Structure formats: structure tokens, C-alpha cells
Amino acid sequence: MTIKDWPRLERPRERLLASGPAVLSDAELLATLLGSGTRGRNAVDLARHLLSATGGLHALLELPAKQFTALPGLGPARYVTLQAALELSRRYLRARLERSDPISAPHSASAYLSAQFRHLPREVFGCLFLDTRHQVIAFETLFLGTLDAATVHPREVVRRALELNAGAVILAHNHPSGVAEPSQADRALTRRLTEALGLIDVRIIDHVVIGDGETTSFAERGWL
């Protein structure tokens, strides 16, 4: 049975229009982007098969292009569609953050930072630069590392803060292992950056560590 043969109010697109995207399952949302199925499978059945075969939505969307396009029913066009959807979501979160009120709580930027970093296969360190009223100036990835470490140079963070005339920063990095618990090295680095940035009167509001679906805030733990 094709999706067109389903009762109208059971079809993913019609349900989304009637009740919003939150009512759809991962498979139904994926099916709306795939658009069609394959021989013997409608779009929802194909989506369910792909999610089961790869270990879920997160794993599927993080597959390299070569592995993704090798899956049955997929190809370059569908890879491009899903990657474009992911990038749109990241840009939407950034635009919402830039238009929002000044950042006053540790969790304010977590969704945006998580969207930027959680999918990356190696450790990456970045900064969200804020003005003196805690409005967003820019977000920049400053250091790229390996599977379990990224070398961070405080002088480079200070230099960029001066160039952007920042009054505050939120630090962020990911743990590709998926565990968002900060290490002792993370805490030591934060202390060094706090001291270095303090010399130019730039305050660290938070340091967010991003894992697989979870984040840890230094500020919420009282470490800043």
C-alpha cells in the first residue's frame, strides 16, 4: 500500500499540516524529506528500515556521503537534501540566537552550540563572542583537534576577542566519545582562559561541553 492509499489524516504530510511537525515520528519526518519510497517500500517503510539499519536518526544523518549513498533507496540527491535540511536547522538556531534578548542564562546558547558541534567526528573548540550587553557578535571555530583532544592557545582566543571588541565569551567544545562530562584538562584550560581574558576585561560566561544528545555547563555547575 502506498502512502496515497492511507486514510488522509494518517498521512505524514497531512498530519504535519494539521497538527505541526512535533506529532510526527522520526521515520515520518524522514519520509517527508525522502519524498518517495522504493520498490516494495513506501517512504515511511523505507525510512523505518534505514533508521533500524543504521542505529537511528543521529547515526544515519552523520554517515559520510559514500556510506550514505550506498544504502538501498538512497543516493546523492537524497544525501544533499538531508544535509541541506541539517544546515538550515543550524542557521535557523544561529539567526534566532542573534535576534534574541541578551544572553543571561547558561542554557541560552546550548541548543545552537550543540547543533554546531555534536555531529563532528573530532574534537573542536569554538567561541561565541558577545558584546558588553551580552548580545551575539559572532561564533567562530578556532581550533580543530583529533578524536579525543584539541590544542587550544589562549593567546589566539585573546587576540580574536580584541579584534571583535568582545566584552564576554561563551566557550564550547565537543567530546566525540558522546560523554559530556568535563575532564580535568577541560577545567584547567578554562582557568587559563579565564585568567588570560581577564587581563583584557573579557568575562567568560560559560564553557559548554557537548556530547551525544547532552551538554554540560560550567556555569550551571558553579565552576565559573
N, C-alpha and C. Protein backbone atom coordinates (compact mmCIF):
# COMPACT_ATOMS: atom_id res chain seq x y z
N MET A 1 0.84 -1.19 0.00
CA MET A 1 0.00 0.00 0.00
C MET A 1 0.88 1.25 0.00
N THR A 2 0.61 2.15 -0.93
CA THR A 2 1.35 3.41 -0.95
C THR A 2 0.75 4.37 0.07
N ILE A 3 1.51 5.42 0.41
CA ILE A 3 1.02 6.40 1.38
C ILE A 3 -0.25 7.09 0.85
N LYS A 4 -0.36 7.23 -0.47
CA LYS A 4 -1.56 7.86 -1.04
C LYS A 4 -2.81 7.03 -0.77
N ASP A 5 -2.63 5.73 -0.50
CA ASP A 5 -3.77 4.86 -0.21
C ASP A 5 -4.16 4.88 1.26
N TRP A 6 -3.34 5.53 2.10
CA TRP A 6 -3.67 5.63 3.52
C TRP A 6 -4.83 6.59 3.72
N PRO A 7 -5.56 6.44 4.84
CA PRO A 7 -6.55 7.48 5.19
C PRO A 7 -5.87 8.83 5.25
N ARG A 8 -6.52 9.86 4.77
CA ARG A 8 -5.90 11.17 4.61
C ARG A 8 -5.24 11.66 5.89
N LEU A 9 -5.92 11.54 7.02
CA LEU A 9 -5.39 12.09 8.27
C LEU A 9 -4.31 11.22 8.90
N GLU A 10 -3.95 10.10 8.25
CA GLU A 10 -2.83 9.28 8.72
C GLU A 10 -1.56 9.53 7.92
N ARG A 11 -1.67 10.29 6.84
CA ARG A 11 -0.50 10.57 6.01
C ARG A 11 0.38 11.61 6.69
N PRO A 12 1.71 11.42 6.67
CA PRO A 12 2.62 12.34 7.38
C PRO A 12 2.45 13.80 7.00
N ARG A 13 2.36 14.10 5.72
CA ARG A 13 2.27 15.50 5.31
C ARG A 13 0.98 16.13 5.81
N GLU A 14 -0.13 15.40 5.69
CA GLU A 14 -1.41 15.94 6.14
C GLU A 14 -1.42 16.11 7.66
N ARG A 15 -0.83 15.17 8.38
CA ARG A 15 -0.75 15.27 9.84
C ARG A 15 0.11 16.47 10.25
N LEU A 16 1.21 16.67 9.53
CA LEU A 16 2.06 17.83 9.83
C LEU A 16 1.30 19.13 9.63
N LEU A 17 0.56 19.23 8.52
CA LEU A 17 -0.20 20.45 8.24
C LEU A 17 -1.29 20.67 9.28
N ALA A 18 -1.88 19.58 9.76
CA ALA A 18 -2.99 19.70 10.69
C ALA A 18 -2.53 19.97 12.12
N SER A 19 -1.41 19.34 12.52
CA SER A 19 -1.03 19.39 13.94
C SER A 19 0.39 19.85 14.20
N GLY A 20 1.18 20.12 13.16
CA GLY A 20 2.56 20.55 13.35
C GLY A 20 3.54 19.40 13.28
N PRO A 21 4.82 19.69 13.07
CA PRO A 21 5.82 18.63 12.88
C PRO A 21 6.10 17.79 14.12
N ALA A 22 5.83 18.33 15.30
CA ALA A 22 6.17 17.61 16.53
C ALA A 22 5.39 16.31 16.69
N VAL A 23 4.25 16.16 16.00
CA VAL A 23 3.45 14.95 16.16
C VAL A 23 4.01 13.78 15.35
N LEU A 24 4.92 14.06 14.42
CA LEU A 24 5.45 13.01 13.56
C LEU A 24 6.62 12.28 14.23
N SER A 25 6.72 11.00 13.95
CA SER A 25 7.86 10.22 14.42
C SER A 25 9.09 10.54 13.59
N ASP A 26 10.25 10.05 14.04
CA ASP A 26 11.48 10.26 13.26
C ASP A 26 11.31 9.70 11.85
N ALA A 27 10.71 8.51 11.75
CA ALA A 27 10.54 7.88 10.44
C ALA A 27 9.62 8.71 9.55
N GLU A 28 8.57 9.27 10.11
CA GLU A 28 7.64 10.06 9.31
C GLU A 28 8.27 11.37 8.85
N LEU A 29 9.04 12.01 9.73
CA LEU A 29 9.75 13.23 9.32
C LEU A 29 10.75 12.93 8.22
N LEU A 30 11.50 11.84 8.39
CA LEU A 30 12.48 11.46 7.37
C LEU A 30 11.77 11.15 6.05
N ALA A 31 10.63 10.50 6.12
CA ALA A 31 9.88 10.15 4.91
C ALA A 31 9.44 11.39 4.14
N THR A 32 9.07 12.45 4.85
CA THR A 32 8.65 13.67 4.15
C THR A 32 9.80 14.28 3.36
N LEU A 33 11.03 14.11 3.85
CA LEU A 33 12.19 14.61 3.13
C LEU A 33 12.60 13.68 1.99
N LEU A 34 12.48 12.38 2.21
CA LEU A 34 12.80 11.43 1.14
C LEU A 34 11.84 11.58 -0.03
N GLY A 35 10.58 11.85 0.28
CA GLY A 35 9.60 12.13 -0.77
C GLY A 35 8.93 10.91 -1.36
N SER A 36 9.67 9.83 -1.52
CA SER A 36 9.11 8.61 -2.11
C SER A 36 9.90 7.41 -1.59
N GLY A 37 9.34 6.23 -1.80
CA GLY A 37 10.00 5.02 -1.35
C GLY A 37 10.72 4.31 -2.47
N THR A 38 10.83 3.00 -2.35
CA THR A 38 11.46 2.17 -3.36
C THR A 38 10.50 1.03 -3.71
N ARG A 39 10.88 0.19 -4.63
CA ARG A 39 10.02 -0.94 -4.99
C ARG A 39 9.75 -1.81 -3.76
N GLY A 40 8.51 -1.95 -3.40
CA GLY A 40 8.14 -2.78 -2.26
C GLY A 40 8.11 -2.04 -0.93
N ARG A 41 8.56 -0.78 -0.92
CA ARG A 41 8.55 0.00 0.32
C ARG A 41 8.06 1.42 0.03
N ASN A 42 7.05 1.88 0.78
CA ASN A 42 6.69 3.29 0.66
C ASN A 42 7.71 4.12 1.44
N ALA A 43 7.57 5.44 1.41
CA ALA A 43 8.58 6.32 2.02
C ALA A 43 8.73 6.08 3.51
N VAL A 44 7.62 5.85 4.21
CA VAL A 44 7.69 5.61 5.66
C VAL A 44 8.37 4.28 5.95
N ASP A 45 8.01 3.24 5.20
CA ASP A 45 8.66 1.94 5.40
C ASP A 45 10.16 2.03 5.12
N LEU A 46 10.53 2.76 4.06
CA LEU A 46 11.94 2.95 3.75
C LEU A 46 12.65 3.68 4.88
N ALA A 47 12.02 4.72 5.40
CA ALA A 47 12.62 5.48 6.49
C ALA A 47 12.80 4.61 7.73
N ARG A 48 11.80 3.81 8.06
CA ARG A 48 11.92 2.92 9.22
C ARG A 48 13.05 1.93 9.03
N HIS A 49 13.17 1.38 7.81
CA HIS A 49 14.25 0.43 7.53
C HIS A 49 15.62 1.09 7.68
N LEU A 50 15.76 2.29 7.16
CA LEU A 50 17.04 2.99 7.23
C LEU A 50 17.43 3.31 8.67
N LEU A 51 16.47 3.76 9.47
CA LEU A 51 16.74 4.08 10.87
C LEU A 51 17.13 2.83 11.65
N SER A 52 16.46 1.73 11.37
CA SER A 52 16.78 0.47 12.05
C SER A 52 18.16 -0.05 11.63
N ALA A 53 18.47 0.07 10.34
CA ALA A 53 19.73 -0.48 9.82
C ALA A 53 20.95 0.31 10.28
N THR A 54 20.78 1.61 10.50
CA THR A 54 21.93 2.45 10.84
C THR A 54 22.03 2.77 12.33
N GLY A 55 20.98 2.48 13.10
CA GLY A 55 21.04 2.75 14.54
C GLY A 55 20.35 4.02 14.95
N GLY A 56 19.51 4.59 14.07
CA GLY A 56 18.75 5.77 14.46
C GLY A 56 19.07 7.00 13.63
N LEU A 57 18.29 8.04 13.89
CA LEU A 57 18.38 9.26 13.09
C LEU A 57 19.75 9.91 13.17
N HIS A 58 20.30 10.00 14.37
CA HIS A 58 21.60 10.63 14.56
C HIS A 58 22.66 9.92 13.72
N ALA A 59 22.70 8.59 13.84
CA ALA A 59 23.71 7.81 13.12
C ALA A 59 23.53 7.93 11.61
N LEU A 60 22.28 7.89 11.15
CA LEU A 60 22.02 7.97 9.71
C LEU A 60 22.50 9.30 9.13
N LEU A 61 22.17 10.40 9.80
CA LEU A 61 22.49 11.72 9.27
C LEU A 61 23.97 12.05 9.37
N GLU A 62 24.71 11.30 10.19
CA GLU A 62 26.14 11.55 10.31
C GLU A 62 26.98 10.68 9.39
N LEU A 63 26.35 9.81 8.63
CA LEU A 63 27.12 8.96 7.73
C LEU A 63 27.83 9.80 6.67
N PRO A 64 29.08 9.46 6.36
CA PRO A 64 29.75 10.13 5.22
C PRO A 64 28.98 9.87 3.93
N ALA A 65 29.16 10.74 2.97
CA ALA A 65 28.40 10.66 1.72
C ALA A 65 28.52 9.28 1.06
N LYS A 66 29.72 8.71 1.04
CA LYS A 66 29.93 7.44 0.36
C LYS A 66 29.12 6.33 1.01
N GLN A 67 29.10 6.28 2.36
CA GLN A 67 28.34 5.25 3.07
C GLN A 67 26.84 5.50 2.95
N PHE A 68 26.45 6.76 3.02
CA PHE A 68 25.03 7.11 2.93
C PHE A 68 24.46 6.70 1.59
N THR A 69 25.13 7.06 0.52
CA THR A 69 24.61 6.79 -0.82
C THR A 69 24.67 5.31 -1.20
N ALA A 70 25.41 4.52 -0.42
CA ALA A 70 25.47 3.07 -0.68
C ALA A 70 24.27 2.34 -0.11
N LEU A 71 23.50 2.99 0.77
CA LEU A 71 22.33 2.35 1.37
C LEU A 71 21.21 2.21 0.34
N PRO A 72 20.42 1.15 0.45
CA PRO A 72 19.34 0.95 -0.53
C PRO A 72 18.31 2.08 -0.48
N GLY A 73 17.98 2.59 -1.65
CA GLY A 73 16.98 3.65 -1.73
C GLY A 73 17.52 5.04 -1.58
N LEU A 74 18.82 5.14 -1.36
CA LEU A 74 19.42 6.46 -1.19
C LEU A 74 20.39 6.74 -2.34
N GLY A 75 20.80 7.98 -2.43
CA GLY A 75 21.72 8.37 -3.49
C GLY A 75 22.17 9.79 -3.25
N PRO A 76 22.97 10.36 -4.15
CA PRO A 76 23.49 11.71 -3.95
C PRO A 76 22.41 12.77 -3.74
N ALA A 77 21.31 12.68 -4.48
CA ALA A 77 20.26 13.69 -4.36
C ALA A 77 19.66 13.70 -2.96
N ARG A 78 19.42 12.52 -2.40
CA ARG A 78 18.83 12.46 -1.06
C ARG A 78 19.86 12.83 0.00
N TYR A 79 21.10 12.52 -0.22
CA TYR A 79 22.15 12.97 0.71
C TYR A 79 22.18 14.50 0.75
N VAL A 80 22.15 15.12 -0.41
CA VAL A 80 22.16 16.59 -0.49
C VAL A 80 20.94 17.17 0.22
N THR A 81 19.77 16.59 0.00
CA THR A 81 18.54 17.09 0.62
C THR A 81 18.62 17.07 2.14
N LEU A 82 19.09 15.95 2.70
CA LEU A 82 19.14 15.83 4.16
C LEU A 82 20.24 16.72 4.75
N GLN A 83 21.38 16.83 4.09
CA GLN A 83 22.44 17.70 4.59
C GLN A 83 22.02 19.16 4.52
N ALA A 84 21.27 19.53 3.49
CA ALA A 84 20.77 20.90 3.39
C ALA A 84 19.78 21.18 4.52
N ALA A 85 18.94 20.20 4.85
CA ALA A 85 17.99 20.37 5.95
C ALA A 85 18.72 20.56 7.27
N LEU A 86 19.80 19.80 7.48
CA LEU A 86 20.60 19.95 8.71
C LEU A 86 21.21 21.34 8.79
N GLU A 87 21.79 21.80 7.70
CA GLU A 87 22.44 23.11 7.71
C GLU A 87 21.41 24.22 7.91
N LEU A 88 20.23 24.08 7.34
CA LEU A 88 19.17 25.06 7.57
C LEU A 88 18.81 25.14 9.05
N SER A 89 18.76 23.99 9.71
CA SER A 89 18.42 23.99 11.14
C SER A 89 19.49 24.70 11.95
N ARG A 90 20.77 24.50 11.58
CA ARG A 90 21.85 25.19 12.29
C ARG A 90 21.77 26.70 12.06
N ARG A 91 21.50 27.10 10.83
CA ARG A 91 21.42 28.54 10.53
C ARG A 91 20.20 29.17 11.19
N TYR A 92 19.12 28.41 11.29
CA TYR A 92 17.93 28.91 11.97
C TYR A 92 18.23 29.17 13.44
N LEU A 93 18.90 28.21 14.09
CA LEU A 93 19.24 28.38 15.50
C LEU A 93 20.16 29.59 15.69
N ARG A 94 21.10 29.78 14.77
CA ARG A 94 22.00 30.93 14.88
C ARG A 94 21.24 32.24 14.70
N ALA A 95 20.35 32.28 13.71
CA ALA A 95 19.58 33.51 13.48
C ALA A 95 18.69 33.82 14.68
N ARG A 96 18.12 32.80 15.27
CA ARG A 96 17.26 33.02 16.45
C ARG A 96 18.09 33.52 17.62
N LEU A 97 19.30 32.97 17.76
CA LEU A 97 20.18 33.40 18.84
C LEU A 97 20.60 34.85 18.66
N GLU A 98 20.93 35.22 17.41
CA GLU A 98 21.38 36.58 17.14
C GLU A 98 20.27 37.61 17.33
N ARG A 99 19.02 37.19 17.14
CA ARG A 99 17.90 38.13 17.29
C ARG A 99 17.32 38.13 18.69
N SER A 100 17.80 37.25 19.54
CA SER A 100 17.20 37.09 20.86
C SER A 100 17.65 38.20 21.81
N ASP A 101 17.05 38.19 22.97
CA ASP A 101 17.46 39.11 24.03
C ASP A 101 18.90 38.77 24.45
N PRO A 102 19.56 39.67 25.15
CA PRO A 102 20.91 39.37 25.63
C PRO A 102 20.97 38.04 26.37
N ILE A 103 22.06 37.31 26.18
CA ILE A 103 22.22 36.01 26.83
C ILE A 103 22.46 36.22 28.31
N SER A 104 21.55 35.72 29.11
CA SER A 104 21.65 35.94 30.56
C SER A 104 21.71 34.65 31.35
N ALA A 105 21.39 33.52 30.72
CA ALA A 105 21.39 32.23 31.41
C ALA A 105 22.30 31.25 30.69
N PRO A 106 22.93 30.34 31.42
CA PRO A 106 23.87 29.41 30.81
C PRO A 106 23.27 28.58 29.68
N HIS A 107 21.98 28.24 29.79
CA HIS A 107 21.39 27.35 28.79
C HIS A 107 20.98 28.08 27.51
N SER A 108 21.07 29.40 27.48
CA SER A 108 20.54 30.17 26.36
C SER A 108 21.15 29.78 25.02
N ALA A 109 22.42 29.47 25.00
CA ALA A 109 23.10 29.18 23.74
C ALA A 109 23.35 27.69 23.53
N SER A 110 22.91 26.84 24.45
CA SER A 110 23.26 25.42 24.39
C SER A 110 22.75 24.74 23.14
N ALA A 111 21.50 25.03 22.74
CA ALA A 111 20.93 24.36 21.56
C ALA A 111 21.73 24.70 20.31
N TYR A 112 22.10 25.97 20.17
CA TYR A 112 22.86 26.38 19.00
C TYR A 112 24.24 25.72 19.00
N LEU A 113 24.93 25.76 20.13
CA LEU A 113 26.27 25.19 20.21
C LEU A 113 26.24 23.68 19.98
N SER A 114 25.23 23.02 20.52
CA SER A 114 25.10 21.58 20.32
C SER A 114 24.89 21.26 18.85
N ALA A 115 24.08 22.05 18.16
CA ALA A 115 23.84 21.83 16.73
C ALA A 115 25.11 22.01 15.92
N GLN A 116 25.99 22.90 16.36
CA GLN A 116 27.24 23.14 15.65
C GLN A 116 28.24 22.01 15.82
N PHE A 117 28.26 21.38 16.99
CA PHE A 117 29.37 20.51 17.34
C PHE A 117 29.06 19.03 17.49
N ARG A 118 27.83 18.67 17.85
CA ARG A 118 27.59 17.29 18.29
C ARG A 118 27.81 16.25 17.19
N HIS A 119 27.73 16.66 15.93
CA HIS A 119 27.87 15.71 14.83
C HIS A 119 29.30 15.50 14.37
N LEU A 120 30.25 16.26 14.94
CA LEU A 120 31.62 16.23 14.42
C LEU A 120 32.39 15.02 14.93
N PRO A 121 33.21 14.39 14.07
CA PRO A 121 33.93 13.17 14.46
C PRO A 121 35.22 13.44 15.23
N ARG A 122 35.66 14.69 15.30
CA ARG A 122 36.87 15.02 16.06
C ARG A 122 36.58 16.19 16.98
N GLU A 123 37.46 16.38 17.96
CA GLU A 123 37.23 17.45 18.94
C GLU A 123 37.50 18.82 18.31
N VAL A 124 36.58 19.73 18.56
CA VAL A 124 36.64 21.08 18.01
C VAL A 124 36.34 22.07 19.12
N PHE A 125 37.06 23.19 19.12
CA PHE A 125 36.88 24.22 20.15
C PHE A 125 36.46 25.52 19.46
N GLY A 126 35.45 26.16 20.01
CA GLY A 126 34.99 27.43 19.44
C GLY A 126 34.56 28.40 20.51
N CYS A 127 34.29 29.63 20.08
CA CYS A 127 33.86 30.69 21.00
C CYS A 127 32.66 31.44 20.43
N LEU A 128 31.72 31.72 21.29
CA LEU A 128 30.62 32.62 20.97
C LEU A 128 30.99 33.96 21.59
N PHE A 129 31.30 34.93 20.74
CA PHE A 129 31.73 36.25 21.22
C PHE A 129 30.52 37.16 21.41
N LEU A 130 30.48 37.83 22.55
CA LEU A 130 29.36 38.71 22.91
C LEU A 130 29.86 40.12 23.16
N ASP A 131 28.96 41.09 22.99
CA ASP A 131 29.35 42.46 23.33
C ASP A 131 29.13 42.69 24.83
N THR A 132 29.29 43.91 25.27
CA THR A 132 29.18 44.20 26.71
C THR A 132 27.77 44.02 27.25
N ARG A 133 26.77 44.00 26.34
CA ARG A 133 25.38 43.75 26.75
C ARG A 133 24.98 42.30 26.56
N HIS A 134 25.97 41.47 26.22
CA HIS A 134 25.78 40.04 26.00
C HIS A 134 24.93 39.72 24.78
N GLN A 135 24.93 40.61 23.81
CA GLN A 135 24.37 40.31 22.50
C GLN A 135 25.44 39.60 21.66
N VAL A 136 25.01 38.70 20.78
CA VAL A 136 25.95 37.91 19.98
C VAL A 136 26.63 38.78 18.93
N ILE A 137 27.96 38.72 18.91
CA ILE A 137 28.76 39.36 17.84
C ILE A 137 29.06 38.34 16.75
N ALA A 138 29.59 37.19 17.17
CA ALA A 138 29.97 36.16 16.20
C ALA A 138 30.23 34.85 16.91
N PHE A 139 30.09 33.76 16.16
CA PHE A 139 30.53 32.46 16.63
C PHE A 139 31.63 31.98 15.70
N GLU A 140 32.74 31.51 16.25
CA GLU A 140 33.85 31.05 15.42
C GLU A 140 34.44 29.76 15.97
N THR A 141 34.72 28.84 15.06
CA THR A 141 35.50 27.66 15.39
C THR A 141 36.97 28.04 15.32
N LEU A 142 37.68 27.90 16.42
CA LEU A 142 39.05 28.39 16.49
C LEU A 142 40.11 27.30 16.40
N PHE A 143 39.80 26.10 16.90
CA PHE A 143 40.82 25.05 16.94
C PHE A 143 40.20 23.70 16.58
N LEU A 144 40.88 22.98 15.69
CA LEU A 144 40.46 21.64 15.30
C LEU A 144 41.43 20.63 15.87
N GLY A 145 40.89 19.55 16.41
CA GLY A 145 41.74 18.58 17.06
C GLY A 145 41.62 17.19 16.48
N THR A 146 41.85 16.20 17.33
CA THR A 146 41.79 14.80 16.95
C THR A 146 40.54 14.18 17.54
N LEU A 147 40.52 12.85 17.59
CA LEU A 147 39.36 12.14 18.12
C LEU A 147 39.11 12.46 19.58
N ASP A 148 40.16 12.78 20.34
CA ASP A 148 39.95 12.98 21.77
C ASP A 148 40.63 14.22 22.35
N ALA A 149 41.13 15.12 21.51
CA ALA A 149 41.78 16.31 22.06
C ALA A 149 41.90 17.40 21.00
N ALA A 150 41.89 18.64 21.48
CA ALA A 150 42.14 19.80 20.62
C ALA A 150 43.06 20.74 21.39
N THR A 151 44.15 21.13 20.77
CA THR A 151 45.08 22.05 21.41
C THR A 151 44.57 23.47 21.27
N VAL A 152 44.38 24.13 22.41
CA VAL A 152 43.82 25.48 22.44
C VAL A 152 44.89 26.45 22.91
N HIS A 153 45.11 27.53 22.18
CA HIS A 153 46.10 28.54 22.53
C HIS A 153 45.39 29.79 23.05
N PRO A 154 45.48 30.05 24.35
CA PRO A 154 44.78 31.21 24.92
C PRO A 154 45.08 32.51 24.22
N ARG A 155 46.32 32.70 23.75
CA ARG A 155 46.66 33.96 23.10
C ARG A 155 45.82 34.20 21.85
N GLU A 156 45.46 33.12 21.14
CA GLU A 156 44.63 33.25 19.94
C GLU A 156 43.20 33.64 20.30
N VAL A 157 42.71 33.10 21.40
CA VAL A 157 41.37 33.47 21.87
C VAL A 157 41.36 34.94 22.27
N VAL A 158 42.39 35.37 22.99
CA VAL A 158 42.50 36.77 23.40
C VAL A 158 42.60 37.68 22.18
N ARG A 159 43.42 37.28 21.21
CA ARG A 159 43.58 38.10 20.02
C ARG A 159 42.25 38.29 19.29
N ARG A 160 41.50 37.22 19.15
CA ARG A 160 40.23 37.31 18.43
C ARG A 160 39.20 38.12 19.22
N ALA A 161 39.21 38.01 20.54
CA ALA A 161 38.30 38.80 21.36
C ALA A 161 38.58 40.29 21.20
N LEU A 162 39.87 40.64 21.13
CA LEU A 162 40.24 42.05 20.93
C LEU A 162 39.82 42.53 19.55
N GLU A 163 40.03 41.70 18.53
CA GLU A 163 39.66 42.10 17.17
C GLU A 163 38.16 42.33 17.03
N LEU A 164 37.36 41.55 17.75
CA LEU A 164 35.90 41.68 17.67
C LEU A 164 35.34 42.66 18.71
N ASN A 165 36.24 43.21 19.54
CA ASN A 165 35.81 44.12 20.60
C ASN A 165 34.76 43.47 21.50
N ALA A 166 35.02 42.23 21.86
CA ALA A 166 34.07 41.47 22.68
C ALA A 166 34.16 41.89 24.14
N GLY A 167 33.03 41.79 24.82
CA GLY A 167 33.00 42.06 26.25
C GLY A 167 32.85 40.80 27.07
N ALA A 168 32.45 39.71 26.41
CA ALA A 168 32.25 38.42 27.08
C ALA A 168 32.32 37.31 26.03
N VAL A 169 32.54 36.08 26.50
CA VAL A 169 32.57 34.94 25.59
C VAL A 169 31.91 33.74 26.24
N ILE A 170 31.41 32.86 25.41
CA ILE A 170 30.99 31.53 25.84
C ILE A 170 31.88 30.54 25.10
N LEU A 171 32.61 29.74 25.85
CA LEU A 171 33.49 28.73 25.27
C LEU A 171 32.69 27.46 24.99
N ALA A 172 33.11 26.72 24.00
CA ALA A 172 32.42 25.46 23.70
C ALA A 172 33.36 24.49 23.02
N HIS A 173 33.23 23.22 23.36
CA HIS A 173 33.92 22.18 22.61
C HIS A 173 33.13 20.88 22.74
N ASN A 174 33.39 19.97 21.84
CA ASN A 174 32.66 18.70 21.83
C ASN A 174 33.54 17.56 22.33
N HIS A 175 32.88 16.50 22.77
CA HIS A 175 33.54 15.24 23.09
C HIS A 175 33.00 14.19 22.11
N PRO A 176 33.76 13.83 21.08
CA PRO A 176 33.28 12.85 20.10
C PRO A 176 32.90 11.50 20.72
N SER A 177 33.40 11.21 21.91
CA SER A 177 33.02 9.97 22.59
C SER A 177 31.55 9.95 22.94
N GLY A 178 30.91 11.14 22.98
CA GLY A 178 29.49 11.24 23.32
C GLY A 178 29.25 11.57 24.77
N VAL A 179 30.28 11.48 25.60
CA VAL A 179 30.14 11.76 27.03
C VAL A 179 30.48 13.22 27.28
N ALA A 180 29.54 13.97 27.85
CA ALA A 180 29.72 15.41 28.01
C ALA A 180 30.37 15.80 29.33
N GLU A 181 30.86 14.84 30.09
CA GLU A 181 31.49 15.15 31.37
C GLU A 181 32.84 15.83 31.15
N PRO A 182 33.05 17.04 31.69
CA PRO A 182 34.33 17.74 31.51
C PRO A 182 35.48 16.98 32.17
N SER A 183 36.63 17.01 31.52
CA SER A 183 37.82 16.40 32.08
C SER A 183 38.56 17.41 32.95
N GLN A 184 39.57 16.92 33.66
CA GLN A 184 40.42 17.83 34.43
C GLN A 184 41.16 18.79 33.50
N ALA A 185 41.52 18.29 32.32
CA ALA A 185 42.18 19.17 31.34
C ALA A 185 41.24 20.28 30.88
N ASP A 186 39.95 19.97 30.73
CA ASP A 186 38.96 20.98 30.36
C ASP A 186 38.88 22.06 31.44
N ARG A 187 38.88 21.65 32.68
CA ARG A 187 38.79 22.61 33.79
C ARG A 187 40.05 23.46 33.88
N ALA A 188 41.20 22.82 33.67
CA ALA A 188 42.46 23.58 33.72
C ALA A 188 42.51 24.60 32.58
N LEU A 189 42.08 24.21 31.39
CA LEU A 189 42.05 25.13 30.26
C LEU A 189 41.13 26.31 30.54
N THR A 190 39.99 26.04 31.13
CA THR A 190 39.04 27.12 31.45
C THR A 190 39.65 28.12 32.41
N ARG A 191 40.39 27.62 33.38
CA ARG A 191 41.06 28.53 34.33
C ARG A 191 42.08 29.40 33.61
N ARG A 192 42.86 28.79 32.70
CA ARG A 192 43.86 29.55 31.95
C ARG A 192 43.21 30.62 31.08
N LEU A 193 42.12 30.26 30.43
CA LEU A 193 41.44 31.23 29.58
C LEU A 193 40.77 32.32 30.40
N THR A 194 40.26 31.98 31.57
CA THR A 194 39.66 32.98 32.45
C THR A 194 40.71 34.02 32.85
N GLU A 195 41.90 33.54 33.19
CA GLU A 195 42.98 34.46 33.56
C GLU A 195 43.43 35.30 32.38
N ALA A 196 43.60 34.68 31.22
CA ALA A 196 44.09 35.40 30.04
C ALA A 196 43.08 36.45 29.59
N LEU A 197 41.81 36.08 29.50
CA LEU A 197 40.79 37.02 29.05
C LEU A 197 40.51 38.09 30.10
N GLY A 198 40.71 37.74 31.36
CA GLY A 198 40.52 38.72 32.43
C GLY A 198 41.47 39.90 32.32
N LEU A 199 42.63 39.67 31.73
CA LEU A 199 43.62 40.75 31.56
C LEU A 199 43.12 41.82 30.60
N ILE A 200 42.18 41.47 29.72
CA ILE A 200 41.63 42.47 28.79
C ILE A 200 40.15 42.76 29.12
N ASP A 201 39.75 42.41 30.34
CA ASP A 201 38.38 42.68 30.83
C ASP A 201 37.31 42.00 30.00
N VAL A 202 37.58 40.79 29.56
CA VAL A 202 36.57 39.97 28.87
C VAL A 202 36.20 38.83 29.79
N ARG A 203 34.91 38.70 30.06
CA ARG A 203 34.42 37.70 31.01
C ARG A 203 33.97 36.44 30.30
N ILE A 204 34.30 35.28 30.87
CA ILE A 204 33.77 34.02 30.37
C ILE A 204 32.44 33.75 31.08
N ILE A 205 31.37 33.72 30.30
CA ILE A 205 30.04 33.47 30.87
C ILE A 205 29.82 31.99 31.11
N ASP A 206 30.33 31.18 30.20
CA ASP A 206 30.12 29.74 30.33
C ASP A 206 31.12 28.99 29.46
N HIS A 207 31.30 27.73 29.79
CA HIS A 207 32.03 26.79 28.94
C HIS A 207 31.11 25.59 28.79
N VAL A 208 30.68 25.33 27.57
CA VAL A 208 29.72 24.26 27.30
C VAL A 208 30.44 23.09 26.65
N VAL A 209 30.29 21.92 27.26
CA VAL A 209 30.86 20.69 26.71
C VAL A 209 29.72 19.89 26.07
N ILE A 210 29.89 19.53 24.81
CA ILE A 210 28.81 18.92 24.04
C ILE A 210 29.11 17.45 23.80
N GLY A 211 28.17 16.61 24.20
CA GLY A 211 28.28 15.18 23.94
C GLY A 211 27.23 14.73 22.95
N ASP A 212 26.85 13.49 23.04
CA ASP A 212 25.85 12.93 22.13
C ASP A 212 24.47 13.11 22.75
N GLY A 213 23.82 14.23 22.42
CA GLY A 213 22.49 14.49 22.94
C GLY A 213 22.47 15.11 24.32
N GLU A 214 23.62 15.41 24.88
CA GLU A 214 23.66 16.05 26.19
C GLU A 214 24.76 17.11 26.20
N THR A 215 24.60 18.08 27.07
CA THR A 215 25.61 19.12 27.24
C THR A 215 25.86 19.32 28.73
N THR A 216 27.05 19.81 29.04
CA THR A 216 27.39 20.17 30.41
C THR A 216 27.84 21.62 30.44
N SER A 217 27.27 22.38 31.37
CA SER A 217 27.58 23.80 31.52
C SER A 217 28.44 24.02 32.75
N PHE A 218 29.61 24.65 32.54
CA PHE A 218 30.46 25.01 33.68
C PHE A 218 29.72 25.97 34.61
N ALA A 219 29.00 26.91 34.02
CA ALA A 219 28.30 27.90 34.83
C ALA A 219 27.25 27.25 35.72
N GLU A 220 26.50 26.31 35.18
CA GLU A 220 25.47 25.67 35.97
C GLU A 220 26.05 24.83 37.09
N ARG A 221 27.28 24.37 36.92
CA ARG A 221 27.94 23.60 37.98
C ARG A 221 28.66 24.50 38.99
N GLY A 222 28.63 25.80 38.73
CA GLY A 222 29.28 26.72 39.65
C GLY A 222 30.77 26.76 39.53
N TRP A 223 31.31 26.44 38.35
CA TRP A 223 32.75 26.38 38.15
C TRP A 223 33.31 27.67 37.58
N LEU A 224 32.48 28.69 37.38
CA LEU A 224 32.96 29.96 36.86
C LEU A 224 32.61 31.09 37.84
